[in-house]
Amino acid sequence: MMKHVLGVAGYIFFLFLMSACSQEEEEINLTDFRYDIVTCRHDGVDLVFLRDDTTLLYPQSAVSSDLLPVDQRALIGYSPLGKIVDRQLSIVLQTSIKPVMTGDILSLSPGGAQELADDPLYLTSVWCSGGYVNLRYKIEYHDVSHMLTMIAVFPQNSADTLDLQLRHDTRGDAPGYYVSGYASFRLPRPLPPVVRVGINTSNLGGRRQFVFTEK
């Protein structure tokens, strides 16, 4: 069974040096700065980023494709350089690239699901986009890495609804300080019209159900 280990050491920051100023860089609108969770793609030896609206982002200063694998999710801060043309946009990275925990949804029997921990999680937001269930959360970390797993328990109750459960395992970590994080879990294809995600929250009154419908 695949488990996803989270912790302070799990976030690795990759720093990039910006190229010297040029006439092209004068077109940068520094007020149009944004953060996005994106999906990594390879264009030959270069790393490019697919936004959830299907726009491909090309860093002006090339980034090696060896840095991150295809389909890895990442959080980037950037400024557009020019305008979107044919769903492609040149960008200037303004921050380091922060890998986002990326995983698959595990298919389990009811008995298998009962074996997983279900510790409460401080949930900031949850949404579906780009073919993923995405989370922003906080964990109370002391010195033991936590685990997050997204599961689908089969058989499902309805062919029109994909019922998912997020499982959080503190692995016995002692109370400490809050650490923010992101996670993305790949949705299956074809996808039913409704996705329902159950999460045991520490800040929203216990177990909550979040429902997303196909637009």
C-alpha atoms as a PDB file:
ATOM      1  CA  MET A   1       0.000   0.000   0.000  1.00  0.00           C
ATOM      2  CA  MET A   2       1.328   3.333  -1.026  1.00  0.00           C
ATOM      3  CA  LYS A   3       1.470   5.910   1.763  1.00  0.00           C
ATOM      4  CA  HIS A   4       2.434   9.525   1.419  1.00  0.00           C
ATOM      5  CA  VAL A   5       4.792  10.881   4.019  1.00  0.00           C
ATOM      6  CA  LEU A   6       4.488  14.498   5.010  1.00  0.00           C
ATOM      7  CA  GLY A   7       6.699  16.626   7.187  1.00  0.00           C
ATOM      8  CA  VAL A   8       8.741  19.744   7.332  1.00  0.00           C
ATOM      9  CA  ALA A   9      11.587  18.007   5.518  1.00  0.00           C
ATOM     10  CA  GLY A  10       9.188  16.917   2.777  1.00  0.00           C
ATOM     11  CA  TYR A  11       9.089  20.349   1.248  1.00  0.00           C
ATOM     12  CA  ILE A  12      12.174  21.096  -0.795  1.00  0.00           C
ATOM     13  CA  PHE A  13      12.717  24.531  -2.194  1.00  0.00           C
ATOM     14  CA  PHE A  14      14.488  24.904  -5.504  1.00  0.00           C
ATOM     15  CA  LEU A  15      15.997  28.339  -6.031  1.00  0.00           C
ATOM     16  CA  PHE A  16      16.520  29.842  -9.433  1.00  0.00           C
ATOM     17  CA  LEU A  17      18.679  32.772 -10.451  1.00  0.00           C
ATOM     18  CA  MET A  18      16.904  35.240 -12.681  1.00  0.00           C
ATOM     19  CA  SER A  19      18.579  36.342 -15.860  1.00  0.00           C
ATOM     20  CA  ALA A  20      19.816  39.902 -16.283  1.00  0.00           C
ATOM     21  CA  CYS A  21      17.339  42.572 -17.286  1.00  0.00           C
ATOM     22  CA  SER A  22      16.531  42.821 -20.976  1.00  0.00           C
ATOM     23  CA  GLN A  23      14.134  44.683 -23.205  1.00  0.00           C
ATOM     24  CA  GLU A  24      11.747  41.707 -23.064  1.00  0.00           C
ATOM     25  CA  GLU A  25      11.656  41.861 -19.284  1.00  0.00           C
ATOM     26  CA  GLU A  26      10.425  45.434 -19.478  1.00  0.00           C
ATOM     27  CA  GLU A  27       7.091  43.960 -20.598  1.00  0.00           C
ATOM     28  CA  ILE A  28       6.630  42.185 -17.266  1.00  0.00           C
ATOM     29  CA  ASN A  29       3.666  43.458 -15.314  1.00  0.00           C
ATOM     30  CA  LEU A  30       4.925  43.041 -11.758  1.00  0.00           C
ATOM     31  CA  THR A  31       1.494  43.954 -10.412  1.00  0.00           C
ATOM     32  CA  ASP A  32       0.081  40.849 -12.147  1.00  0.00           C
ATOM     33  CA  PHE A  33       1.736  38.401  -9.773  1.00  0.00           C
ATOM     34  CA  ARG A  34       0.019  35.136  -8.938  1.00  0.00           C
ATOM     35  CA  TYR A  35       0.464  31.794  -7.224  1.00  0.00           C
ATOM     36  CA  ASP A  36      -0.829  28.633  -8.876  1.00  0.00           C
ATOM     37  CA  ILE A  37      -0.712  24.929  -8.234  1.00  0.00           C
ATOM     38  CA  VAL A  38       0.374  23.516 -11.580  1.00  0.00           C
ATOM     39  CA  THR A  39       1.218  20.150 -13.148  1.00  0.00           C
ATOM     40  CA  CYS A  40       4.760  19.582 -14.385  1.00  0.00           C
ATOM     41  CA  ARG A  41       5.324  18.749 -18.050  1.00  0.00           C
ATOM     42  CA  HIS A  42       8.501  18.194 -20.058  1.00  0.00           C
ATOM     43  CA  ASP A  43       9.237  20.038 -23.291  1.00  0.00           C
ATOM     44  CA  GLY A  44      12.403  18.288 -24.404  1.00  0.00           C
ATOM     45  CA  VAL A  45      15.003  19.074 -21.737  1.00  0.00           C
ATOM     46  CA  ASP A  46      12.954  21.943 -20.269  1.00  0.00           C
ATOM     47  CA  LEU A  47      10.432  21.908 -17.447  1.00  0.00           C
ATOM     48  CA  VAL A  48       7.129  23.636 -18.235  1.00  0.00           C
ATOM     49  CA  PHE A  49       3.950  23.938 -16.191  1.00  0.00           C
ATOM     50  CA  LEU A  50       0.347  23.128 -17.072  1.00  0.00           C
ATOM     51  CA  ARG A  51      -2.161  25.347 -15.341  1.00  0.00           C
ATOM     52  CA  ASP A  52      -5.509  23.830 -14.393  1.00  0.00           C
ATOM     53  CA  ASP A  53      -7.180  25.942 -17.094  1.00  0.00           C
ATOM     54  CA  THR A  54      -4.950  24.060 -19.648  1.00  0.00           C
ATOM     55  CA  THR A  55      -2.620  27.027 -20.265  1.00  0.00           C
ATOM     56  CA  LEU A  56       1.035  25.969 -20.624  1.00  0.00           C
ATOM     57  CA  LEU A  57       3.507  28.193 -18.771  1.00  0.00           C
ATOM     58  CA  TYR A  58       7.021  28.518 -20.187  1.00  0.00           C
ATOM     59  CA  PRO A  59       9.647  30.010 -17.834  1.00  0.00           C
ATOM     60  CA  GLN A  60      11.677  32.688 -19.598  1.00  0.00           C
ATOM     61  CA  SER A  61      14.814  31.321 -17.941  1.00  0.00           C
ATOM     62  CA  ALA A  62      14.867  27.628 -18.808  1.00  0.00           C
ATOM     63  CA  VAL A  63      14.454  25.109 -15.985  1.00  0.00           C
ATOM     64  CA  SER A  64      15.859  21.596 -16.437  1.00  0.00           C
ATOM     65  CA  SER A  65      13.296  18.812 -16.821  1.00  0.00           C
ATOM     66  CA  ASP A  66      15.475  16.731 -14.477  1.00  0.00           C
ATOM     67  CA  LEU A  67      14.207  18.833 -11.586  1.00  0.00           C
ATOM     68  CA  LEU A  68      10.710  17.350 -11.322  1.00  0.00           C
ATOM     69  CA  PRO A  69       8.945  14.426 -13.054  1.00  0.00           C
ATOM     70  CA  VAL A  70       5.955  14.616 -15.374  1.00  0.00           C
ATOM     71  CA  ASP A  71       2.621  14.883 -13.500  1.00  0.00           C
ATOM     72  CA  GLN A  72       4.262  16.144 -10.299  1.00  0.00           C
ATOM     73  CA  ARG A  73       2.205  19.000  -8.871  1.00  0.00           C
ATOM     74  CA  ALA A  74       4.000  22.147  -7.745  1.00  0.00           C
ATOM     75  CA  LEU A  75       3.251  25.579  -6.305  1.00  0.00           C
ATOM     76  CA  ILE A  76       4.831  28.443  -8.252  1.00  0.00           C
ATOM     77  CA  GLY A  77       4.755  32.221  -7.999  1.00  0.00           C
ATOM     78  CA  TYR A  78       5.185  34.034 -11.292  1.00  0.00           C
ATOM     79  CA  SER A  79       4.498  37.088 -13.417  1.00  0.00           C
ATOM     80  CA  PRO A  80       3.220  36.800 -17.005  1.00  0.00           C
ATOM     81  CA  LEU A  81       5.436  38.055 -19.805  1.00  0.00           C
ATOM     82  CA  GLY A  82       3.138  39.205 -22.573  1.00  0.00           C
ATOM     83  CA  LYS A  83      -0.228  37.588 -23.295  1.00  0.00           C
ATOM     84  CA  ILE A  84      -1.594  34.066 -23.731  1.00  0.00           C
ATOM     85  CA  VAL A  85      -1.179  32.849 -27.335  1.00  0.00           C
ATOM     86  CA  ASP A  86      -2.538  29.421 -28.361  1.00  0.00           C
ATOM     87  CA  ARG A  87      -2.919  28.534 -24.673  1.00  0.00           C
ATOM     88  CA  GLN A  88       0.772  29.216 -24.095  1.00  0.00           C
ATOM     89  CA  LEU A  89       2.248  31.915 -21.885  1.00  0.00           C
ATOM     90  CA  SER A  90       5.809  32.980 -21.189  1.00  0.00           C
ATOM     91  CA  ILE A  91       6.432  33.700 -17.510  1.00  0.00           C
ATOM     92  CA  VAL A  92       9.094  34.905 -15.138  1.00  0.00           C
ATOM     93  CA  LEU A  93       9.358  32.804 -11.989  1.00  0.00           C
ATOM     94  CA  GLN A  94       9.352  35.106  -8.970  1.00  0.00           C
ATOM     95  CA  THR A  95       9.660  32.434  -6.270  1.00  0.00           C
ATOM     96  CA  SER A  96      11.213  29.035  -5.768  1.00  0.00           C
ATOM     97  CA  ILE A  97       9.326  25.988  -7.032  1.00  0.00           C
ATOM     98  CA  LYS A  98       7.624  24.182  -4.166  1.00  0.00           C
ATOM     99  CA  PRO A  99       6.710  20.545  -4.893  1.00  0.00           C
ATOM    100  CA  VAL A 100       3.206  19.607  -3.785  1.00  0.00           C
ATOM    101  CA  MET A 101       2.531  16.148  -2.408  1.00  0.00           C
ATOM    102  CA  THR A 102       1.036  14.260  -5.360  1.00  0.00           C
ATOM    103  CA  GLY A 103      -0.566  10.829  -5.177  1.00  0.00           C
ATOM    104  CA  ASP A 104      -3.117   8.402  -6.544  1.00  0.00           C
ATOM    105  CA  ILE A 105      -6.448   7.475  -4.999  1.00  0.00           C
ATOM    106  CA  LEU A 106      -6.308   4.039  -3.393  1.00  0.00           C
ATOM    107  CA  SER A 107      -9.161   1.584  -3.980  1.00  0.00           C
ATOM    108  CA  LEU A 108      -9.905  -0.330  -0.770  1.00  0.00           C
ATOM    109  CA  SER A 109     -12.466  -2.726   0.640  1.00  0.00           C
ATOM    110  CA  PRO A 110     -14.444  -1.645   3.713  1.00  0.00           C
ATOM    111  CA  GLY A 111     -12.172  -3.833   5.822  1.00  0.00           C
ATOM    112  CA  GLY A 112      -9.046  -2.259   4.357  1.00  0.00           C
ATOM    113  CA  ALA A 113     -10.397   1.232   5.022  1.00  0.00           C
ATOM    114  CA  GLN A 114     -10.987   0.400   8.686  1.00  0.00           C
ATOM    115  CA  GLU A 115      -7.291  -0.378   9.118  1.00  0.00           C
ATOM    116  CA  LEU A 116      -6.277   3.193   8.247  1.00  0.00           C
ATOM    117  CA  ALA A 117      -5.981   5.945  10.838  1.00  0.00           C
ATOM    118  CA  ASP A 118      -8.488   8.803  10.643  1.00  0.00           C
ATOM    119  CA  ASP A 119      -6.932  11.569  12.726  1.00  0.00           C
ATOM    120  CA  PRO A 120      -8.474  15.067  12.449  1.00  0.00           C
ATOM    121  CA  LEU A 121      -6.884  17.533  10.033  1.00  0.00           C
ATOM    122  CA  TYR A 122      -6.995  21.339  10.071  1.00  0.00           C
ATOM    123  CA  LEU A 123      -8.575  22.001   6.658  1.00  0.00           C
ATOM    124  CA  THR A 124      -8.131  25.362   4.958  1.00  0.00           C
ATOM    125  CA  SER A 125      -9.729  24.486   1.605  1.00  0.00           C
ATOM    126  CA  VAL A 126     -10.547  21.600  -0.726  1.00  0.00           C
ATOM    127  CA  TRP A 127     -11.375  21.799  -4.432  1.00  0.00           C
ATOM    128  CA  CYS A 128     -11.357  19.761  -7.656  1.00  0.00           C
ATOM    129  CA  SER A 129      -9.474  21.095 -10.682  1.00  0.00           C
ATOM    130  CA  GLY A 130      -6.965  19.974 -13.280  1.00  0.00           C
ATOM    131  CA  GLY A 131      -7.986  16.334 -12.827  1.00  0.00           C
ATOM    132  CA  TYR A 132      -7.069  16.353  -9.128  1.00  0.00           C
ATOM    133  CA  VAL A 133      -8.628  16.664  -5.699  1.00  0.00           C
ATOM    134  CA  ASN A 134      -6.599  19.450  -4.106  1.00  0.00           C
ATOM    135  CA  LEU A 135      -6.174  20.306  -0.437  1.00  0.00           C
ATOM    136  CA  ARG A 136      -4.726  23.116   1.575  1.00  0.00           C
ATOM    137  CA  TYR A 137      -4.294  22.158   5.207  1.00  0.00           C
ATOM    138  CA  LYS A 138      -2.313  22.490   8.421  1.00  0.00           C
ATOM    139  CA  ILE A 139      -0.799  19.727  10.517  1.00  0.00           C
ATOM    140  CA  GLU A 140       0.366  20.078  14.096  1.00  0.00           C
ATOM    141  CA  TYR A 141       3.925  18.829  13.717  1.00  0.00           C
ATOM    142  CA  HIS A 142       6.449  18.030  16.424  1.00  0.00           C
ATOM    143  CA  ASP A 143       9.077  15.566  15.218  1.00  0.00           C
ATOM    144  CA  VAL A 144       7.299  12.676  13.418  1.00  0.00           C
ATOM    145  CA  SER A 145       6.230  12.827   9.761  1.00  0.00           C
ATOM    146  CA  HIS A 146       2.476  12.540   9.151  1.00  0.00           C
ATOM    147  CA  MET A 147       0.747  10.598   6.370  1.00  0.00           C
ATOM    148  CA  LEU A 148      -2.124  11.569   4.075  1.00  0.00           C
ATOM    149  CA  THR A 149      -3.993   9.013   1.966  1.00  0.00           C
ATOM    150  CA  MET A 150      -7.034   9.506  -0.279  1.00  0.00           C
ATOM    151  CA  ILE A 151      -9.152   6.376  -0.611  1.00  0.00           C
ATOM    152  CA  ALA A 152     -12.221   5.137  -2.477  1.00  0.00           C
ATOM    153  CA  VAL A 153     -14.083   2.333  -0.703  1.00  0.00           C
ATOM    154  CA  PHE A 154     -15.611  -0.259  -3.023  1.00  0.00           C
ATOM    155  CA  PRO A 155     -18.265  -1.206  -3.795  1.00  0.00           C
ATOM    156  CA  GLN A 156     -19.465   2.383  -4.237  1.00  0.00           C
ATOM    157  CA  ASN A 157     -23.042   3.382  -3.425  1.00  0.00           C
ATOM    158  CA  SER A 158     -23.821   5.010  -6.788  1.00  0.00           C
ATOM    159  CA  ALA A 159     -22.450   4.891 -10.322  1.00  0.00           C
ATOM    160  CA  ASP A 160     -23.040   8.650 -10.608  1.00  0.00           C
ATOM    161  CA  THR A 161     -20.994   9.594  -7.523  1.00  0.00           C
ATOM    162  CA  LEU A 162     -17.370   8.935  -6.610  1.00  0.00           C
ATOM    163  CA  ASP A 163     -17.163   8.767  -2.819  1.00  0.00           C
ATOM    164  CA  LEU A 164     -13.706   9.521  -1.442  1.00  0.00           C
ATOM    165  CA  GLN A 165     -12.266   9.695   2.059  1.00  0.00           C
ATOM    166  CA  LEU A 166      -9.142  11.503   3.189  1.00  0.00           C
ATOM    167  CA  ARG A 167      -7.237   9.665   5.895  1.00  0.00           C
ATOM    168  CA  HIS A 168      -4.703  11.469   8.082  1.00  0.00           C
ATOM    169  CA  ASP A 169      -2.273   9.539  10.276  1.00  0.00           C
ATOM    170  CA  THR A 170      -0.263  11.519  12.835  1.00  0.00           C
ATOM    171  CA  ARG A 171       1.787   8.367  13.514  1.00  0.00           C
ATOM    172  CA  GLY A 172       1.745   9.265  17.189  1.00  0.00           C
ATOM    173  CA  ASP A 173       3.354  12.675  16.698  1.00  0.00           C
ATOM    174  CA  ALA A 174       3.236  14.830  19.826  1.00  0.00           C
ATOM    175  CA  PRO A 175       1.515  18.258  19.780  1.00  0.00           C
ATOM    176  CA  GLY A 176       3.810  20.882  18.326  1.00  0.00           C
ATOM    177  CA  TYR A 177       3.352  23.793  15.929  1.00  0.00           C
ATOM    178  CA  TYR A 178       1.173  24.175  12.858  1.00  0.00           C
ATOM    179  CA  VAL A 179       2.766  23.627   9.442  1.00  0.00           C
ATOM    180  CA  SER A 180       0.829  24.499   6.266  1.00  0.00           C
ATOM    181  CA  GLY A 181       0.835  22.246   3.242  1.00  0.00           C
ATOM    182  CA  TYR A 182      -0.821  21.314  -0.050  1.00  0.00           C
ATOM    183  CA  ALA A 183      -1.722  17.942  -1.527  1.00  0.00           C
ATOM    184  CA  SER A 184      -3.144  16.772  -4.862  1.00  0.00           C
ATOM    185  CA  PHE A 185      -4.667  13.368  -5.626  1.00  0.00           C
ATOM    186  CA  ARG A 186      -5.313  12.232  -9.214  1.00  0.00           C
ATOM    187  CA  LEU A 187      -8.942  11.650 -10.117  1.00  0.00           C
ATOM    188  CA  PRO A 188      -9.812   8.605 -12.266  1.00  0.00           C
ATOM    189  CA  ARG A 189     -11.027   8.816 -15.842  1.00  0.00           C
ATOM    190  CA  PRO A 190     -13.805   8.693 -16.855  1.00  0.00           C
ATOM    191  CA  LEU A 191     -15.027  10.690 -13.881  1.00  0.00           C
ATOM    192  CA  PRO A 192     -18.605  10.402 -12.543  1.00  0.00           C
ATOM    193  CA  PRO A 193     -20.641  13.640 -12.542  1.00  0.00           C
ATOM    194  CA  VAL A 194     -20.366  14.002  -8.745  1.00  0.00           C
ATOM    195  CA  VAL A 195     -17.305  13.731  -6.489  1.00  0.00           C
ATOM    196  CA  ARG A 196     -17.893  13.626  -2.739  1.00  0.00           C
ATOM    197  CA  VAL A 197     -14.930  13.951  -0.361  1.00  0.00           C
ATOM    198  CA  GLY A 198     -15.199  13.073   3.331  1.00  0.00           C
ATOM    199  CA  ILE A 199     -12.644  14.663   5.678  1.00  0.00           C
ATOM    200  CA  ASN A 200     -12.324  14.438   9.454  1.00  0.00           C
ATOM    201  CA  THR A 201     -11.573  18.069  10.347  1.00  0.00           C
ATOM    202  CA  SER A 202     -10.249  19.564  13.561  1.00  0.00           C
ATOM    203  CA  ASN A 203     -11.509  23.082  12.815  1.00  0.00           C
ATOM    204  CA  LEU A 204     -14.863  22.581  11.059  1.00  0.00           C
ATOM    205  CA  GLY A 205     -16.787  20.473  13.542  1.00  0.00           C
ATOM    206  CA  GLY A 206     -15.528  16.972  12.857  1.00  0.00           C
ATOM    207  CA  ARG A 207     -16.305  14.880   9.760  1.00  0.00           C
ATOM    208  CA  ARG A 208     -17.477  16.946   6.798  1.00  0.00           C
ATOM    209  CA  GLN A 209     -18.629  16.051   3.295  1.00  0.00           C
ATOM    210  CA  PHE A 210     -17.613  18.247   0.355  1.00  0.00           C
ATOM    211  CA  VAL A 211     -19.514  17.763  -2.902  1.00  0.00           C
ATOM    212  CA  PHE A 212     -18.246  18.766  -6.349  1.00  0.00           C
ATOM    213  CA  THR A 213     -20.262  18.496  -9.552  1.00  0.00           C
ATOM    214  CA  GLU A 214     -18.968  18.382 -13.102  1.00  0.00           C
ATOM    215  CA  LYS A 215     -19.380  21.732 -14.843  1.00  0.00           C
END
